[in-house]
Amino acid sequence: MFSVVFGLATNSSNGEILNWLKEISNEMSLIDPNRFKVQVVICINGRQEKAPVSLDSDLDIMILNSDNPGKNDALNLILQYSRNHEYDIIHFFDDDIMFKKGSIRKNLETLINYPVGSPILVGSDFKVNEANLNLLQKVLNAPFEHDSDSNLFLSGTSICSWTSVYPKMPDSKDLIAEDSFVCIYFIKNYQGAKIIKPVESITYFDSVRGLKDWYWQQVRVYVGVEKSFCMYPNDYERLQNFFSWRYAENPKYRLKRKTLSVNAFIKLSVFRFLQKFVFIKGNKLLKRDSNIMWNKNRGEE
């Protein structure tokens, strides 16, 4: 039997966490309890209201609290807990996604096909919930629709590996995106590393509401991903080329993996125009290397 931690770093409300737990509970009902023993470890990061000692759930749950608002620091606390208690597998999630039925089971069963401790990173594909998208949202989410091109990156929404090889995250203040960092780390540091998306393992996210939210979200993502690559200046070009995909901000690192439909190509053309502004702003911020007040820029409290 394999021991598994389902890790969630979050500053969401208790109600939102409970909704996530319902999603996890549905997925866990499909997992063989004779093969996987699972504990859910939730780290509340930077929220004034601490999580209760227990949540109203039938799952085995451990609650951690971190005064630091950074997500990466919370992920590190969960990883350290998993290692201290000698869990075999670590599977991280975000709390604002939905699963295609059976996705977590497919991730775990794919991972255990490889020897314990081997450098294998497994995760779900990342798609937008296409129900009720307006025309603008269809353009903004062009990289993540059913007819989009594929990429090698795994999203932090659903990603797992053997606990022993999962890396410690950089400090949150460095603004390095945790999911891109993990993927790049595996390819850079482990000989024979593999990144795998099992067929039909998919997480779905809800679209941003409008252009302003999308713009600052994409700037934040671009800066975080670029900083991940910049951690390895001697291998920067090789790693960028390895992870190249059609929707990259930098035209130099765009790779076509499949032929797009006419509809997908039209969305891509408009997306490219908007993406230029993200690329310009992101590079300005990277040049300054300043701390960015993301919430303020998005007009949130």
Protein backbone atom coordinates (compact mmCIF):
# COMPACT_ATOMS: atom_id res chain seq x y z
CA MET A 1 0.00 0.00 0.00
CA PHE A 2 1.17 3.51 -0.85
CA SER A 3 0.74 6.38 1.61
CA VAL A 4 -0.36 9.62 -0.03
CA VAL A 5 -0.75 13.25 1.00
CA PHE A 6 -3.28 15.37 -0.86
CA GLY A 7 -1.86 18.85 -0.27
CA LEU A 8 -3.70 22.15 -0.53
CA ALA A 9 -2.13 25.56 0.12
CA THR A 10 -4.93 28.11 0.30
CA ASN A 11 -6.18 31.38 1.77
CA SER A 12 -9.77 30.76 0.68
CA SER A 13 -12.73 30.80 3.03
CA ASN A 14 -13.75 27.73 5.01
CA GLY A 15 -16.80 27.41 2.76
CA GLU A 16 -14.66 27.32 -0.36
CA ILE A 17 -12.36 24.75 1.22
CA LEU A 18 -15.37 22.58 2.06
CA ASN A 19 -16.49 22.75 -1.58
CA TRP A 20 -13.04 21.59 -2.62
CA LEU A 21 -13.20 18.75 -0.10
CA LYS A 22 -16.45 17.58 -1.71
CA GLU A 23 -14.66 17.40 -5.06
CA ILE A 24 -11.79 15.47 -3.46
CA SER A 25 -14.19 13.14 -1.65
CA ASN A 26 -15.93 12.29 -4.93
CA GLU A 27 -12.59 11.49 -6.54
CA MET A 28 -11.39 9.47 -3.55
CA SER A 29 -14.43 7.21 -3.81
CA LEU A 30 -12.90 5.94 -7.06
CA ILE A 31 -9.50 5.18 -5.52
CA ASP A 32 -8.75 1.66 -4.27
CA PRO A 33 -8.32 1.98 -0.45
CA ASN A 34 -6.30 -1.23 -0.43
CA ARG A 35 -3.66 0.40 -2.65
CA PHE A 36 -3.65 4.01 -1.43
CA LYS A 37 -3.95 5.39 2.10
CA VAL A 38 -4.66 9.13 1.82
CA GLN A 39 -4.41 12.02 4.24
CA VAL A 40 -5.52 15.50 3.22
CA VAL A 41 -3.16 18.22 4.45
CA ILE A 42 -4.42 21.79 4.18
CA CYS A 43 -2.16 24.74 4.91
CA ILE A 44 -3.93 28.07 5.45
CA ASN A 45 -1.50 30.77 4.39
CA GLY A 46 -1.69 34.44 5.36
CA ARG A 47 -5.35 34.50 6.35
CA GLN A 48 -6.34 36.30 9.54
CA GLU A 49 -9.10 33.78 10.23
CA LYS A 50 -7.42 30.51 11.07
CA ALA A 51 -8.96 27.28 9.88
CA PRO A 52 -10.81 25.26 12.52
CA VAL A 53 -9.06 22.31 14.09
CA SER A 54 -11.33 20.09 12.01
CA LEU A 55 -13.61 20.56 9.02
CA ASP A 56 -16.98 18.88 8.51
CA SER A 57 -15.73 16.04 6.37
CA ASP A 58 -15.32 12.27 6.57
CA LEU A 59 -11.80 12.55 5.19
CA ASP A 60 -8.61 12.22 7.23
CA ILE A 61 -7.56 15.88 7.41
CA MET A 62 -4.59 17.68 8.96
CA ILE A 63 -4.78 21.48 9.23
CA LEU A 64 -1.61 23.60 9.17
CA ASN A 65 -1.48 27.37 9.51
CA SER A 66 1.13 29.75 8.13
CA ASP A 67 1.35 33.46 8.94
CA ASN A 68 3.23 34.00 5.69
CA PRO A 69 0.81 34.91 2.86
CA GLY A 70 3.00 33.27 0.21
CA LYS A 71 1.73 30.11 -1.44
CA ASN A 72 5.18 28.62 -2.01
CA ASP A 73 5.97 28.77 1.71
CA ALA A 74 2.71 26.95 2.48
CA LEU A 75 3.55 24.28 -0.09
CA ASN A 76 6.91 23.79 1.61
CA LEU A 77 5.21 23.27 4.97
CA ILE A 78 3.04 20.55 3.46
CA LEU A 79 6.03 18.94 1.76
CA GLN A 80 8.01 18.97 5.02
CA TYR A 81 5.07 17.43 6.88
CA SER A 82 4.87 14.69 4.23
CA ARG A 83 8.56 13.90 4.55
CA ASN A 84 8.55 14.01 8.35
CA HIS A 85 5.74 11.44 8.34
CA GLU A 86 7.33 9.38 5.55
CA TYR A 87 4.53 9.55 3.00
CA ASP A 88 5.35 7.90 -0.32
CA ILE A 89 3.47 10.25 -2.65
CA ILE A 90 2.68 13.96 -2.60
CA HIS A 91 -0.21 15.21 -4.73
CA PHE A 92 -0.81 18.98 -4.75
CA PHE A 93 -4.00 20.75 -5.81
CA ASP A 94 -5.60 24.16 -6.14
CA ASP A 95 -8.97 24.75 -4.53
CA ASP A 96 -10.75 26.46 -7.43
CA ILE A 97 -10.93 23.61 -9.91
CA MET A 98 -13.17 20.70 -10.88
CA PHE A 99 -12.05 17.23 -11.92
CA LYS A 100 -12.98 15.05 -14.81
CA LYS A 101 -14.20 11.90 -13.08
CA GLY A 102 -11.35 9.54 -12.21
CA SER A 103 -8.52 12.01 -12.87
CA ILE A 104 -6.81 11.65 -9.49
CA ARG A 105 -6.97 7.86 -9.68
CA LYS A 106 -5.34 7.97 -13.12
CA ASN A 107 -2.56 10.20 -11.81
CA LEU A 108 -1.75 7.90 -8.90
CA GLU A 109 -1.95 4.71 -10.91
CA THR A 110 0.30 6.20 -13.58
CA LEU A 111 2.91 7.21 -11.01
CA ILE A 112 3.12 3.80 -9.31
CA ASN A 113 3.95 2.18 -12.64
CA TYR A 114 7.43 3.58 -11.99
CA PRO A 115 9.83 2.65 -9.17
CA VAL A 116 9.51 4.51 -5.87
CA GLY A 117 11.74 7.60 -5.95
CA SER A 118 12.07 7.75 -9.73
CA PRO A 119 11.93 11.28 -11.24
CA ILE A 120 8.40 11.09 -12.58
CA LEU A 121 6.02 14.05 -12.48
CA VAL A 122 2.37 13.29 -13.21
CA GLY A 123 -0.50 15.71 -13.51
CA SER A 124 -3.85 16.49 -15.06
CA ASP A 125 -4.33 18.50 -18.20
CA PHE A 126 -5.66 22.01 -17.52
CA LYS A 127 -8.77 23.20 -19.36
CA VAL A 128 -11.25 26.04 -19.05
CA ASN A 129 -14.86 25.24 -18.25
CA GLU A 130 -16.31 26.14 -21.64
CA ALA A 131 -19.94 26.28 -20.54
CA ASN A 132 -21.44 29.76 -21.06
CA LEU A 133 -18.24 31.44 -22.24
CA ASN A 134 -18.86 34.71 -24.07
CA LEU A 135 -16.92 35.62 -27.22
CA LEU A 136 -14.23 37.56 -25.35
CA GLN A 137 -13.70 34.74 -22.85
CA LYS A 138 -13.31 32.25 -25.69
CA VAL A 139 -10.45 34.35 -27.02
CA LEU A 140 -8.83 34.93 -23.61
CA ASN A 141 -8.88 31.19 -22.88
CA ALA A 142 -7.71 30.09 -26.32
CA PRO A 143 -4.75 28.09 -24.91
CA PHE A 144 -6.99 26.04 -22.62
CA GLU A 145 -9.97 24.98 -24.71
CA HIS A 146 -10.72 21.53 -26.12
CA ASP A 147 -9.39 22.50 -29.56
CA SER A 148 -6.18 24.18 -28.35
CA ASP A 149 -2.64 22.94 -28.90
CA SER A 150 -0.89 20.88 -26.21
CA ASN A 151 2.05 21.72 -23.96
CA LEU A 152 4.43 19.86 -21.65
CA PHE A 153 3.94 21.96 -18.52
CA LEU A 154 1.84 20.61 -15.69
CA SER A 155 -0.39 22.94 -13.74
CA GLY A 156 -0.27 23.20 -9.96
CA THR A 157 -4.01 22.51 -9.98
CA SER A 158 -3.28 18.76 -9.93
CA ILE A 159 0.30 17.50 -9.84
CA CYS A 160 1.98 14.57 -8.08
CA SER A 161 5.25 12.74 -7.64
CA TRP A 162 7.19 10.65 -5.18
CA THR A 163 7.68 12.72 -2.05
CA SER A 164 11.40 11.98 -1.95
CA VAL A 165 12.08 13.72 -5.28
CA TYR A 166 9.63 16.62 -5.06
CA PRO A 167 11.64 19.85 -4.73
CA LYS A 168 11.37 22.53 -2.10
CA MET A 169 9.77 25.68 -3.52
CA PRO A 170 11.66 28.98 -3.82
CA ASP A 171 10.70 31.71 -1.35
CA SER A 172 7.30 33.23 -2.15
CA LYS A 173 8.74 36.75 -2.28
CA ASP A 174 10.74 35.76 -5.36
CA LEU A 175 7.46 35.56 -7.35
CA ILE A 176 8.46 32.27 -8.98
CA ALA A 177 5.50 30.23 -10.23
CA GLU A 178 5.46 26.96 -8.31
CA ASP A 179 4.20 24.69 -11.08
CA SER A 180 6.59 25.88 -13.78
CA PHE A 181 9.44 25.71 -11.25
CA VAL A 182 8.69 22.07 -10.43
CA CYS A 183 8.51 21.02 -14.10
CA ILE A 184 11.72 22.86 -14.98
CA TYR A 185 13.47 21.52 -11.86
CA PHE A 186 12.73 17.91 -12.83
CA ILE A 187 14.04 18.29 -16.37
CA LYS A 188 17.11 20.27 -15.27
CA ASN A 189 18.17 18.19 -12.26
CA TYR A 190 17.03 14.60 -12.83
CA GLN A 191 18.47 12.38 -15.54
CA GLY A 192 15.71 10.46 -17.27
CA ALA A 193 12.96 12.63 -15.77
CA LYS A 194 9.49 12.29 -17.30
CA ILE A 195 6.50 14.61 -17.24
CA ILE A 196 3.26 12.73 -17.87
CA LYS A 197 -0.35 13.76 -18.44
CA PRO A 198 -2.49 10.62 -18.29
CA VAL A 199 -5.14 10.41 -20.99
CA GLU A 200 -8.46 11.85 -19.78
CA SER A 201 -6.98 13.19 -16.54
CA ILE A 202 -8.28 16.77 -16.65
CA THR A 203 -8.98 19.64 -14.28
CA TYR A 204 -11.34 22.45 -15.25
CA PHE A 205 -11.20 26.07 -14.11
CA ASP A 206 -13.70 28.91 -14.45
CA SER A 207 -12.77 31.76 -16.77
CA VAL A 208 -11.81 35.22 -15.59
CA ARG A 209 -14.61 37.74 -15.96
CA GLY A 210 -13.03 40.28 -18.26
CA LEU A 211 -9.99 41.73 -19.96
CA LYS A 212 -8.48 43.53 -16.96
CA ASP A 213 -8.54 40.43 -14.76
CA TRP A 214 -7.09 38.37 -17.60
CA TYR A 215 -4.33 40.90 -18.29
CA TRP A 216 -2.98 40.99 -14.74
CA GLN A 217 -3.39 37.25 -14.34
CA GLN A 218 -1.34 36.65 -17.47
CA VAL A 219 1.33 39.18 -16.52
CA ARG A 220 1.68 37.46 -13.14
CA VAL A 221 1.92 34.03 -14.79
CA TYR A 222 4.43 35.20 -17.40
CA VAL A 223 6.67 36.81 -14.77
CA GLY A 224 6.48 33.73 -12.54
CA VAL A 225 7.28 31.31 -15.36
CA GLU A 226 10.09 33.45 -16.75
CA LYS A 227 11.66 33.71 -13.30
CA SER A 228 11.58 29.91 -13.12
CA PHE A 229 13.63 29.67 -16.32
CA CYS A 230 16.00 32.40 -15.15
CA MET A 231 17.01 30.30 -12.16
CA TYR A 232 19.12 28.28 -14.60
CA PRO A 233 20.91 30.83 -16.83
CA ASN A 234 23.33 28.28 -18.27
CA ASP A 235 20.44 26.07 -19.41
CA TYR A 236 17.95 28.82 -20.17
CA GLU A 237 17.77 28.27 -23.93
CA ARG A 238 17.66 24.48 -23.69
CA LEU A 239 14.87 24.52 -21.11
CA GLN A 240 12.85 27.16 -22.97
CA ASN A 241 13.07 25.10 -26.14
CA PHE A 242 12.09 21.93 -24.28
CA PHE A 243 8.91 23.55 -22.92
CA SER A 244 8.10 25.57 -26.04
CA TRP A 245 4.42 25.72 -26.99
CA ARG A 246 2.23 27.53 -29.45
CA TYR A 247 0.83 30.02 -26.93
CA ALA A 248 4.09 31.21 -25.37
CA GLU A 249 4.42 34.96 -24.87
CA ASN A 250 7.88 35.03 -26.42
CA PRO A 251 7.60 34.34 -30.19
CA LYS A 252 11.02 32.69 -30.08
CA TYR A 253 9.67 29.77 -28.04
CA ARG A 254 6.49 28.87 -29.89
CA LEU A 255 6.15 25.30 -31.07
CA LYS A 256 3.25 23.90 -33.10
CA ARG A 257 2.35 20.38 -31.99
CA LYS A 258 -0.86 19.86 -33.90
CA THR A 259 -2.95 21.41 -36.65
CA LEU A 260 -5.61 23.79 -35.35
CA SER A 261 -9.16 24.04 -36.59
CA VAL A 262 -10.18 27.25 -38.38
CA ASN A 263 -12.09 28.36 -35.29
CA ALA A 264 -9.11 27.74 -32.99
CA PHE A 265 -6.78 29.56 -35.37
CA ILE A 266 -9.03 32.65 -35.42
CA LYS A 267 -9.10 32.71 -31.61
CA LEU A 268 -5.32 32.32 -31.56
CA SER A 269 -4.86 35.30 -33.92
CA VAL A 270 -6.84 37.64 -31.65
CA PHE A 271 -5.17 36.14 -28.57
CA ARG A 272 -1.77 36.93 -30.09
CA PHE A 273 -2.67 40.61 -30.39
CA LEU A 274 -3.68 40.85 -26.73
CA GLN A 275 -0.74 38.75 -25.63
CA LYS A 276 1.73 41.32 -26.95
CA PHE A 277 0.71 43.72 -24.18
CA VAL A 278 1.32 41.01 -21.56
CA PHE A 279 4.76 40.31 -23.03
CA ILE A 280 5.74 43.99 -22.99
CA LYS A 281 4.50 44.65 -19.45
CA GLY A 282 5.96 41.43 -18.09
CA ASN A 283 9.40 42.20 -19.47
CA LYS A 284 9.30 45.69 -17.99
CA LEU A 285 8.55 44.23 -14.56
CA LEU A 286 11.24 41.60 -14.95
CA LYS A 287 13.76 44.28 -15.88
CA ARG A 288 12.90 46.24 -12.74
CA ASP A 289 12.64 42.99 -10.76
CA SER A 290 10.17 44.75 -8.52
CA ASN A 291 7.66 43.29 -6.12
CA ILE A 292 4.31 43.55 -7.83
CA MET A 293 1.10 44.34 -5.98
CA TRP A 294 -1.07 41.97 -8.00
CA ASN A 295 -4.32 42.49 -6.11
CA LYS A 296 -4.02 46.26 -6.27
CA ASN A 297 -3.40 46.12 -10.01
CA ARG A 298 -6.48 43.97 -10.48
CA GLY A 299 -8.60 46.51 -8.61
CA GLU A 300 -9.33 44.22 -5.67
CA GLU A 301 -9.37 45.10 -2.00
